[in-house]
Amino acid sequence: MGLGLACAAFALSACGKKAETTETSTTTTTESTPAATASTETAPAAAPAAAAAKAPAPDNTDTIAGVKLAAYTGDAAKGATAFVTCKTCHAIEEGVNRIGPSLHAVVGRAAGTIPGYTYSAANKNSGITWSEDKLFQYLENPQRVVPGTKMSFAGWPTDPQKRADVIAYLKTLS
């Protein structure tokens, strides 16, 4: 039983990873962003009305960095590798929910609609349809796009190629 609790605690901590590590052939650096350093416990507790006013409109896909998905070619194989971060909380099999909902056929799906998963009110009422462009924006900083979301993942704000790769992978799951 203790081992099971330890594994669950490890899984939750991986899902809430706050710093993004970027490796090159000679060095490893850790970049910390303001969104990455914010406490995951305080983000959902923020005043919903004030936070909702700052959220982009459901059809707005502008990123903080100003980059667009169209500028990148996603590689599904690399996306499957990067998806290991997501697997801690999300399954790819249809109907299998974990800490987060199944991501099977997520591209094109309305937010907050998987049966049997208890979504936050923020996600359920967001009005978002998970287009490729909206996912690209969301994976940059989930709490910015859906303030009050239960998802504690800080996003990949400095790696738009990784976001494009994961989206290419998610498209294969339909």
N, C-alpha and C. Protein backbone atom coordinates (compact mmCIF):
# COMPACT_ATOMS: atom_id res chain seq x y z
N MET A 1 0.84 -1.19 0.00
CA MET A 1 0.00 0.00 0.00
C MET A 1 0.87 1.24 0.00
N GLY A 2 1.93 1.24 0.82
CA GLY A 2 2.83 2.39 0.89
C GLY A 2 3.50 2.65 -0.45
N LEU A 3 3.86 1.56 -1.14
CA LEU A 3 4.48 1.73 -2.45
C LEU A 3 3.50 2.36 -3.43
N GLY A 4 2.23 1.95 -3.35
CA GLY A 4 1.21 2.53 -4.24
C GLY A 4 1.04 4.01 -3.99
N LEU A 5 1.03 4.43 -2.73
CA LEU A 5 0.91 5.85 -2.40
C LEU A 5 2.13 6.62 -2.88
N ALA A 6 3.31 6.02 -2.73
CA ALA A 6 4.53 6.67 -3.19
C ALA A 6 4.50 6.86 -4.71
N CYS A 7 4.03 5.84 -5.43
CA CYS A 7 3.93 5.95 -6.90
C CYS A 7 2.94 7.03 -7.30
N ALA A 8 1.81 7.10 -6.59
CA ALA A 8 0.81 8.13 -6.90
C ALA A 8 1.37 9.52 -6.63
N ALA A 9 2.10 9.67 -5.54
CA ALA A 9 2.70 10.97 -5.22
C ALA A 9 3.72 11.35 -6.29
N PHE A 10 4.51 10.37 -6.75
CA PHE A 10 5.48 10.64 -7.80
C PHE A 10 4.78 11.06 -9.09
N ALA A 11 3.70 10.38 -9.43
CA ALA A 11 2.95 10.70 -10.65
C ALA A 11 2.41 12.11 -10.59
N LEU A 12 1.86 12.49 -9.45
CA LEU A 12 1.32 13.84 -9.31
C LEU A 12 2.42 14.89 -9.40
N SER A 13 3.57 14.60 -8.83
CA SER A 13 4.65 15.58 -8.90
C SER A 13 5.17 15.73 -10.32
N ALA A 14 5.19 14.65 -11.08
CA ALA A 14 5.63 14.74 -12.48
C ALA A 14 4.65 15.55 -13.31
N CYS A 15 3.35 15.41 -13.01
CA CYS A 15 2.32 16.15 -13.73
C CYS A 15 2.42 17.64 -13.44
N GLY A 16 2.90 17.99 -12.28
CA GLY A 16 3.00 19.39 -11.89
C GLY A 16 4.39 19.95 -12.07
N LYS A 17 5.20 19.35 -12.93
CA LYS A 17 6.57 19.79 -13.17
C LYS A 17 6.60 21.27 -13.49
N LYS A 18 7.48 22.01 -12.83
CA LYS A 18 7.49 23.46 -12.95
C LYS A 18 8.63 24.01 -13.79
N ALA A 19 9.68 23.30 -14.00
CA ALA A 19 10.79 23.81 -14.78
C ALA A 19 10.94 22.93 -16.01
N GLU A 20 11.32 23.52 -17.09
CA GLU A 20 11.49 22.79 -18.32
C GLU A 20 12.97 22.64 -18.59
N THR A 21 13.41 21.42 -18.87
CA THR A 21 14.81 21.17 -19.13
C THR A 21 15.01 21.02 -20.62
N THR A 22 15.98 21.72 -21.14
CA THR A 22 16.30 21.65 -22.55
C THR A 22 17.71 21.10 -22.67
N GLU A 23 17.87 20.03 -23.44
CA GLU A 23 19.19 19.44 -23.58
C GLU A 23 19.76 19.76 -24.95
N THR A 24 21.05 20.02 -24.98
CA THR A 24 21.77 20.17 -26.23
C THR A 24 22.88 19.14 -26.22
N SER A 25 23.68 19.10 -27.25
CA SER A 25 24.72 18.08 -27.31
C SER A 25 25.81 18.30 -26.28
N THR A 26 25.96 19.52 -25.76
CA THR A 26 27.05 19.75 -24.81
C THR A 26 26.61 20.23 -23.45
N THR A 27 25.42 20.81 -23.33
CA THR A 27 25.02 21.35 -22.04
C THR A 27 23.56 21.06 -21.76
N THR A 28 23.20 21.16 -20.51
CA THR A 28 21.81 21.06 -20.09
C THR A 28 21.50 22.31 -19.30
N THR A 29 20.42 22.99 -19.67
CA THR A 29 20.04 24.20 -18.96
C THR A 29 18.61 24.06 -18.47
N THR A 30 18.31 24.72 -17.40
CA THR A 30 16.95 24.73 -16.89
C THR A 30 16.43 26.14 -16.99
N GLU A 31 15.29 26.29 -17.66
CA GLU A 31 14.71 27.60 -17.82
C GLU A 31 13.46 27.67 -16.96
N SER A 32 13.32 28.76 -16.29
CA SER A 32 12.15 28.94 -15.44
C SER A 32 11.40 30.17 -15.92
N THR A 33 10.11 30.02 -16.11
CA THR A 33 9.29 31.13 -16.57
C THR A 33 8.40 31.59 -15.43
N PRO A 34 7.86 32.79 -15.50
CA PRO A 34 6.95 33.22 -14.45
C PRO A 34 5.80 32.24 -14.26
N ALA A 35 5.26 31.70 -15.37
CA ALA A 35 4.17 30.73 -15.25
C ALA A 35 4.67 29.44 -14.61
N ALA A 36 5.92 29.07 -14.92
CA ALA A 36 6.46 27.85 -14.38
C ALA A 36 6.77 27.96 -12.90
N THR A 37 7.04 29.15 -12.41
CA THR A 37 7.38 29.29 -11.01
C THR A 37 6.18 29.56 -10.13
N ALA A 38 5.03 29.78 -10.72
CA ALA A 38 3.82 30.02 -9.92
C ALA A 38 3.41 28.73 -9.24
N SER A 39 2.88 28.83 -8.05
CA SER A 39 2.45 27.66 -7.30
C SER A 39 1.20 27.07 -7.94
N THR A 40 1.21 25.74 -8.12
CA THR A 40 0.06 25.08 -8.71
C THR A 40 -1.12 25.10 -7.76
N GLU A 41 -0.86 25.23 -6.48
CA GLU A 41 -1.96 25.23 -5.54
C GLU A 41 -2.66 26.58 -5.49
N THR A 42 -1.99 27.66 -5.86
CA THR A 42 -2.64 28.95 -5.83
C THR A 42 -3.31 29.30 -7.15
N ALA A 43 -2.87 28.69 -8.25
CA ALA A 43 -3.45 29.03 -9.55
C ALA A 43 -4.96 28.75 -9.60
N PRO A 44 -5.43 27.53 -9.25
CA PRO A 44 -6.86 27.31 -9.32
C PRO A 44 -7.64 28.11 -8.29
N ALA A 45 -7.00 28.55 -7.21
CA ALA A 45 -7.69 29.29 -6.17
C ALA A 45 -7.82 30.77 -6.50
N ALA A 46 -7.21 31.22 -7.59
CA ALA A 46 -7.28 32.62 -7.98
C ALA A 46 -8.74 32.99 -8.23
N ALA A 47 -9.05 34.27 -8.04
CA ALA A 47 -10.42 34.74 -8.22
C ALA A 47 -10.90 34.40 -9.63
N PRO A 48 -11.92 33.54 -9.76
CA PRO A 48 -12.36 33.10 -11.08
C PRO A 48 -12.82 34.23 -11.98
N ALA A 49 -13.53 35.21 -11.45
CA ALA A 49 -14.03 36.29 -12.30
C ALA A 49 -12.89 37.10 -12.87
N ALA A 50 -11.89 37.43 -12.05
CA ALA A 50 -10.75 38.22 -12.53
C ALA A 50 -9.92 37.40 -13.51
N ALA A 51 -9.71 36.12 -13.21
CA ALA A 51 -8.90 35.27 -14.08
C ALA A 51 -9.60 35.04 -15.42
N ALA A 52 -10.92 34.84 -15.38
CA ALA A 52 -11.65 34.59 -16.61
C ALA A 52 -11.57 35.77 -17.56
N ALA A 53 -11.49 36.98 -17.02
CA ALA A 53 -11.40 38.16 -17.87
C ALA A 53 -10.08 38.19 -18.64
N LYS A 54 -9.06 37.55 -18.11
CA LYS A 54 -7.75 37.54 -18.75
C LYS A 54 -7.58 36.39 -19.74
N ALA A 55 -8.46 35.42 -19.71
CA ALA A 55 -8.36 34.27 -20.60
C ALA A 55 -8.66 34.70 -22.03
N PRO A 56 -7.92 34.13 -22.99
CA PRO A 56 -8.24 34.43 -24.38
C PRO A 56 -9.63 33.88 -24.73
N ALA A 57 -10.29 34.49 -25.66
CA ALA A 57 -11.59 34.01 -26.12
C ALA A 57 -11.45 32.58 -26.65
N PRO A 58 -12.51 31.78 -26.60
CA PRO A 58 -12.43 30.40 -27.07
C PRO A 58 -11.90 30.26 -28.49
N ASP A 59 -12.16 31.24 -29.35
CA ASP A 59 -11.69 31.15 -30.73
C ASP A 59 -10.37 31.88 -30.96
N ASN A 60 -9.81 32.49 -29.91
CA ASN A 60 -8.53 33.18 -30.01
C ASN A 60 -7.42 32.16 -29.83
N THR A 61 -6.44 32.15 -30.74
CA THR A 61 -5.33 31.20 -30.65
C THR A 61 -3.98 31.90 -30.55
N ASP A 62 -3.99 33.18 -30.20
CA ASP A 62 -2.73 33.92 -30.06
C ASP A 62 -1.93 33.38 -28.88
N THR A 63 -0.65 33.18 -29.10
CA THR A 63 0.23 32.70 -28.04
C THR A 63 0.92 33.89 -27.38
N ILE A 64 1.46 33.66 -26.20
CA ILE A 64 2.20 34.70 -25.49
C ILE A 64 3.41 35.13 -26.31
N ALA A 65 4.11 34.15 -26.86
CA ALA A 65 5.32 34.41 -27.64
C ALA A 65 5.02 34.95 -29.03
N GLY A 66 3.76 34.91 -29.45
CA GLY A 66 3.40 35.42 -30.77
C GLY A 66 3.67 34.44 -31.90
N VAL A 67 4.05 33.20 -31.58
CA VAL A 67 4.31 32.21 -32.62
C VAL A 67 3.02 31.49 -32.99
N LYS A 68 2.98 30.98 -34.18
CA LYS A 68 1.81 30.27 -34.70
C LYS A 68 2.18 28.83 -35.03
N LEU A 69 1.25 27.92 -34.84
CA LEU A 69 1.47 26.51 -35.17
C LEU A 69 1.87 26.34 -36.63
N ALA A 70 1.31 27.15 -37.52
CA ALA A 70 1.58 27.03 -38.95
C ALA A 70 3.07 27.21 -39.28
N ALA A 71 3.83 27.80 -38.38
CA ALA A 71 5.26 28.00 -38.61
C ALA A 71 6.07 26.74 -38.31
N TYR A 72 5.42 25.70 -37.82
CA TYR A 72 6.12 24.47 -37.41
C TYR A 72 5.51 23.26 -38.10
N THR A 73 6.35 22.28 -38.37
CA THR A 73 5.88 21.01 -38.88
C THR A 73 6.03 20.01 -37.75
N GLY A 74 4.91 19.51 -37.28
CA GLY A 74 4.93 18.56 -36.18
C GLY A 74 5.39 17.19 -36.63
N ASP A 75 6.16 16.51 -35.77
CA ASP A 75 6.65 15.17 -36.01
C ASP A 75 5.98 14.26 -34.97
N ALA A 76 5.07 13.40 -35.43
CA ALA A 76 4.30 12.55 -34.53
C ALA A 76 5.19 11.61 -33.71
N ALA A 77 6.27 11.11 -34.30
CA ALA A 77 7.18 10.21 -33.56
C ALA A 77 7.85 10.95 -32.41
N LYS A 78 8.31 12.17 -32.67
CA LYS A 78 8.90 12.97 -31.59
C LYS A 78 7.83 13.37 -30.58
N GLY A 79 6.62 13.60 -31.05
CA GLY A 79 5.52 13.93 -30.17
C GLY A 79 5.18 12.78 -29.23
N ALA A 80 5.25 11.54 -29.74
CA ALA A 80 5.00 10.37 -28.89
C ALA A 80 6.03 10.30 -27.78
N THR A 81 7.28 10.64 -28.09
CA THR A 81 8.33 10.65 -27.08
C THR A 81 8.08 11.76 -26.06
N ALA A 82 7.73 12.95 -26.51
CA ALA A 82 7.46 14.07 -25.60
C ALA A 82 6.21 13.83 -24.77
N PHE A 83 5.29 13.02 -25.30
CA PHE A 83 4.03 12.74 -24.62
C PHE A 83 4.23 11.99 -23.30
N VAL A 84 5.42 11.47 -23.06
CA VAL A 84 5.69 10.77 -21.80
C VAL A 84 5.36 11.68 -20.60
N THR A 85 5.56 12.97 -20.75
CA THR A 85 5.21 13.93 -19.70
C THR A 85 3.70 13.89 -19.43
N CYS A 86 2.93 13.75 -20.46
CA CYS A 86 1.47 13.77 -20.36
C CYS A 86 0.90 12.45 -19.83
N LYS A 87 1.61 11.34 -20.12
CA LYS A 87 1.12 10.00 -19.74
C LYS A 87 0.96 9.83 -18.24
N THR A 88 1.63 10.63 -17.46
CA THR A 88 1.49 10.54 -16.02
C THR A 88 0.03 10.75 -15.62
N CYS A 89 -0.64 11.66 -16.31
CA CYS A 89 -2.01 12.02 -15.95
C CYS A 89 -3.06 11.61 -16.98
N HIS A 90 -2.66 11.42 -18.23
CA HIS A 90 -3.61 11.18 -19.31
C HIS A 90 -3.37 9.84 -20.00
N ALA A 91 -4.45 9.16 -20.32
CA ALA A 91 -4.40 7.94 -21.14
C ALA A 91 -4.74 8.33 -22.58
N ILE A 92 -4.34 7.49 -23.51
CA ILE A 92 -4.66 7.75 -24.92
C ILE A 92 -5.75 6.80 -25.41
N GLU A 93 -6.11 5.83 -24.57
CA GLU A 93 -7.16 4.89 -24.93
C GLU A 93 -8.53 5.54 -24.72
N GLU A 94 -9.44 5.29 -25.63
CA GLU A 94 -10.79 5.83 -25.52
C GLU A 94 -11.46 5.32 -24.24
N GLY A 95 -12.07 6.22 -23.49
CA GLY A 95 -12.81 5.86 -22.29
C GLY A 95 -11.98 5.61 -21.05
N VAL A 96 -10.67 5.78 -21.14
CA VAL A 96 -9.80 5.56 -19.98
C VAL A 96 -9.38 6.91 -19.43
N ASN A 97 -9.93 7.24 -18.27
CA ASN A 97 -9.58 8.50 -17.61
C ASN A 97 -8.64 8.20 -16.45
N ARG A 98 -7.74 9.10 -16.20
CA ARG A 98 -6.82 8.99 -15.06
C ARG A 98 -7.01 10.25 -14.23
N ILE A 99 -5.92 10.83 -13.78
CA ILE A 99 -5.99 12.12 -13.08
C ILE A 99 -6.60 13.15 -14.03
N GLY A 100 -6.25 13.04 -15.31
CA GLY A 100 -6.83 13.86 -16.37
C GLY A 100 -7.67 12.98 -17.29
N PRO A 101 -8.46 13.59 -18.15
CA PRO A 101 -9.31 12.82 -19.06
C PRO A 101 -8.51 12.16 -20.17
N SER A 102 -9.10 11.16 -20.81
CA SER A 102 -8.49 10.51 -21.96
C SER A 102 -8.25 11.55 -23.05
N LEU A 103 -7.13 11.44 -23.73
CA LEU A 103 -6.83 12.34 -24.84
C LEU A 103 -7.07 11.67 -26.20
N HIS A 104 -7.71 10.52 -26.17
CA HIS A 104 -8.08 9.86 -27.43
C HIS A 104 -9.03 10.78 -28.20
N ALA A 105 -8.71 11.05 -29.44
CA ALA A 105 -9.54 11.88 -30.32
C ALA A 105 -9.80 13.27 -29.74
N VAL A 106 -8.81 13.83 -29.08
CA VAL A 106 -8.98 15.17 -28.48
C VAL A 106 -9.05 16.27 -29.54
N VAL A 107 -8.33 16.11 -30.64
CA VAL A 107 -8.33 17.15 -31.67
C VAL A 107 -9.72 17.22 -32.29
N GLY A 108 -10.34 18.39 -32.18
CA GLY A 108 -11.68 18.61 -32.70
C GLY A 108 -12.79 18.42 -31.67
N ARG A 109 -12.44 17.99 -30.47
CA ARG A 109 -13.43 17.73 -29.42
C ARG A 109 -13.70 18.99 -28.61
N ALA A 110 -14.93 19.16 -28.17
CA ALA A 110 -15.28 20.26 -27.27
C ALA A 110 -14.70 19.99 -25.89
N ALA A 111 -14.17 21.01 -25.25
CA ALA A 111 -13.58 20.87 -23.92
C ALA A 111 -14.65 20.45 -22.91
N GLY A 112 -14.23 19.62 -21.96
CA GLY A 112 -15.11 19.24 -20.86
C GLY A 112 -16.22 18.28 -21.20
N THR A 113 -16.03 17.42 -22.22
CA THR A 113 -17.14 16.59 -22.67
C THR A 113 -16.92 15.07 -22.57
N ILE A 114 -15.82 14.62 -21.99
CA ILE A 114 -15.60 13.18 -21.87
C ILE A 114 -16.50 12.63 -20.76
N PRO A 115 -17.36 11.66 -21.08
CA PRO A 115 -18.23 11.09 -20.05
C PRO A 115 -17.40 10.40 -18.95
N GLY A 116 -17.84 10.55 -17.72
CA GLY A 116 -17.19 9.89 -16.61
C GLY A 116 -16.00 10.62 -16.02
N TYR A 117 -15.64 11.76 -16.58
CA TYR A 117 -14.55 12.54 -16.02
C TYR A 117 -15.12 13.79 -15.36
N THR A 118 -14.62 14.12 -14.18
CA THR A 118 -15.09 15.30 -13.46
C THR A 118 -14.18 16.47 -13.78
N TYR A 119 -14.64 17.32 -14.67
CA TYR A 119 -13.89 18.49 -15.10
C TYR A 119 -14.07 19.64 -14.12
N SER A 120 -13.13 20.57 -14.13
CA SER A 120 -13.31 21.82 -13.39
C SER A 120 -14.41 22.61 -14.10
N ALA A 121 -15.06 23.46 -13.37
CA ALA A 121 -16.09 24.33 -13.98
C ALA A 121 -15.46 25.19 -15.06
N ALA A 122 -14.22 25.63 -14.82
CA ALA A 122 -13.53 26.48 -15.79
C ALA A 122 -13.38 25.78 -17.13
N ASN A 123 -12.99 24.52 -17.11
CA ASN A 123 -12.81 23.77 -18.35
C ASN A 123 -14.16 23.47 -18.99
N LYS A 124 -15.09 23.01 -18.19
CA LYS A 124 -16.42 22.63 -18.69
C LYS A 124 -17.13 23.81 -19.35
N ASN A 125 -16.93 25.01 -18.80
CA ASN A 125 -17.63 26.19 -19.29
C ASN A 125 -16.78 27.08 -20.19
N SER A 126 -15.65 26.58 -20.65
CA SER A 126 -14.71 27.40 -21.43
C SER A 126 -15.20 27.73 -22.83
N GLY A 127 -16.05 26.90 -23.40
CA GLY A 127 -16.51 27.12 -24.77
C GLY A 127 -15.47 26.74 -25.81
N ILE A 128 -14.41 26.11 -25.39
CA ILE A 128 -13.30 25.77 -26.29
C ILE A 128 -13.58 24.49 -27.05
N THR A 129 -13.19 24.49 -28.31
CA THR A 129 -13.08 23.28 -29.10
C THR A 129 -11.59 23.10 -29.36
N TRP A 130 -11.07 21.91 -29.06
CA TRP A 130 -9.63 21.67 -29.14
C TRP A 130 -9.15 21.51 -30.58
N SER A 131 -9.06 22.62 -31.28
CA SER A 131 -8.46 22.63 -32.62
C SER A 131 -6.94 22.49 -32.43
N GLU A 132 -6.23 22.23 -33.49
CA GLU A 132 -4.77 22.15 -33.41
C GLU A 132 -4.19 23.48 -32.90
N ASP A 133 -4.70 24.59 -33.41
CA ASP A 133 -4.19 25.90 -33.01
C ASP A 133 -4.50 26.20 -31.54
N LYS A 134 -5.67 25.80 -31.07
CA LYS A 134 -6.04 26.05 -29.67
C LYS A 134 -5.18 25.18 -28.75
N LEU A 135 -4.92 23.94 -29.14
CA LEU A 135 -4.03 23.08 -28.35
C LEU A 135 -2.62 23.66 -28.29
N PHE A 136 -2.17 24.23 -29.40
CA PHE A 136 -0.84 24.85 -29.45
C PHE A 136 -0.76 26.00 -28.44
N GLN A 137 -1.79 26.80 -28.41
CA GLN A 137 -1.86 27.90 -27.44
C GLN A 137 -1.95 27.36 -26.01
N TYR A 138 -2.79 26.36 -25.79
CA TYR A 138 -3.01 25.79 -24.47
C TYR A 138 -1.74 25.17 -23.90
N LEU A 139 -1.02 24.43 -24.73
CA LEU A 139 0.20 23.76 -24.26
C LEU A 139 1.34 24.73 -23.97
N GLU A 140 1.20 25.97 -24.40
CA GLU A 140 2.17 26.99 -24.03
C GLU A 140 2.01 27.36 -22.55
N ASN A 141 0.75 27.49 -22.09
CA ASN A 141 0.46 27.87 -20.71
C ASN A 141 -1.01 27.56 -20.42
N PRO A 142 -1.30 26.33 -19.97
CA PRO A 142 -2.69 25.92 -19.76
C PRO A 142 -3.49 26.84 -18.85
N GLN A 143 -2.88 27.32 -17.77
CA GLN A 143 -3.61 28.16 -16.82
C GLN A 143 -3.99 29.51 -17.41
N ARG A 144 -3.25 29.97 -18.39
CA ARG A 144 -3.60 31.23 -19.07
C ARG A 144 -4.84 31.04 -19.93
N VAL A 145 -4.92 29.91 -20.62
CA VAL A 145 -6.00 29.66 -21.55
C VAL A 145 -7.28 29.25 -20.83
N VAL A 146 -7.15 28.47 -19.76
CA VAL A 146 -8.31 28.05 -18.96
C VAL A 146 -7.98 28.33 -17.48
N PRO A 147 -8.11 29.59 -17.07
CA PRO A 147 -7.85 29.89 -15.65
C PRO A 147 -8.78 29.08 -14.76
N GLY A 148 -8.22 28.43 -13.76
CA GLY A 148 -9.01 27.60 -12.87
C GLY A 148 -9.02 26.14 -13.28
N THR A 149 -8.30 25.78 -14.35
CA THR A 149 -8.22 24.38 -14.75
C THR A 149 -7.57 23.56 -13.64
N LYS A 150 -7.93 22.29 -13.54
CA LYS A 150 -7.31 21.39 -12.56
C LYS A 150 -5.92 20.96 -13.03
N MET A 151 -5.63 21.13 -14.31
CA MET A 151 -4.36 20.67 -14.85
C MET A 151 -3.21 21.50 -14.28
N SER A 152 -2.29 20.83 -13.59
CA SER A 152 -1.20 21.54 -12.93
C SER A 152 0.04 21.68 -13.82
N PHE A 153 0.05 21.06 -14.98
CA PHE A 153 1.18 21.16 -15.90
C PHE A 153 1.39 22.61 -16.31
N ALA A 154 2.61 23.10 -16.18
CA ALA A 154 2.91 24.51 -16.47
C ALA A 154 2.98 24.82 -17.96
N GLY A 155 3.09 23.82 -18.80
CA GLY A 155 3.17 24.05 -20.24
C GLY A 155 4.60 24.01 -20.74
N TRP A 156 4.73 24.19 -22.05
CA TRP A 156 6.03 24.26 -22.72
C TRP A 156 6.13 25.64 -23.36
N PRO A 157 6.31 26.68 -22.56
CA PRO A 157 6.30 28.04 -23.11
C PRO A 157 7.49 28.35 -24.03
N THR A 158 8.60 27.67 -23.84
CA THR A 158 9.79 28.00 -24.63
C THR A 158 10.08 26.98 -25.72
N ASP A 159 9.17 26.05 -25.94
CA ASP A 159 9.43 25.01 -26.93
C ASP A 159 8.23 24.79 -27.86
N PRO A 160 8.00 25.72 -28.79
CA PRO A 160 6.86 25.56 -29.70
C PRO A 160 6.97 24.32 -30.58
N GLN A 161 8.20 23.90 -30.90
CA GLN A 161 8.35 22.69 -31.72
C GLN A 161 7.85 21.47 -30.97
N LYS A 162 8.12 21.39 -29.69
CA LYS A 162 7.63 20.26 -28.89
C LYS A 162 6.10 20.27 -28.86
N ARG A 163 5.51 21.45 -28.74
CA ARG A 163 4.05 21.55 -28.77
C ARG A 163 3.51 21.05 -30.10
N ALA A 164 4.13 21.46 -31.19
CA ALA A 164 3.70 21.02 -32.53
C ALA A 164 3.85 19.51 -32.68
N ASP A 165 4.92 18.95 -32.14
CA ASP A 165 5.15 17.51 -32.22
C ASP A 165 4.08 16.74 -31.43
N VAL A 166 3.76 17.20 -30.23
CA VAL A 166 2.75 16.52 -29.42
C VAL A 166 1.39 16.60 -30.10
N ILE A 167 1.08 17.72 -30.70
CA ILE A 167 -0.20 17.86 -31.42
C ILE A 167 -0.24 16.91 -32.62
N ALA A 168 0.87 16.79 -33.33
CA ALA A 168 0.93 15.83 -34.45
C ALA A 168 0.67 14.41 -33.95
N TYR A 169 1.23 14.09 -32.79
CA TYR A 169 0.97 12.78 -32.19
C TYR A 169 -0.49 12.63 -31.79
N LEU A 170 -1.05 13.63 -31.14
CA LEU A 170 -2.45 13.57 -30.71
C LEU A 170 -3.39 13.37 -31.91
N LYS A 171 -3.04 13.94 -33.04
CA LYS A 171 -3.86 13.78 -34.26
C LYS A 171 -3.91 12.32 -34.71
N THR A 172 -2.90 11.53 -34.36
CA THR A 172 -2.88 10.12 -34.76
C THR A 172 -3.79 9.26 -33.90
N LEU A 173 -4.33 9.83 -32.83
CA LEU A 173 -5.12 9.06 -31.85
C LEU A 173 -6.61 9.09 -32.13
N SER A 174 -7.01 9.49 -33.30
CA SER A 174 -8.45 9.59 -33.61
C SER A 174 -8.97 8.30 -34.18
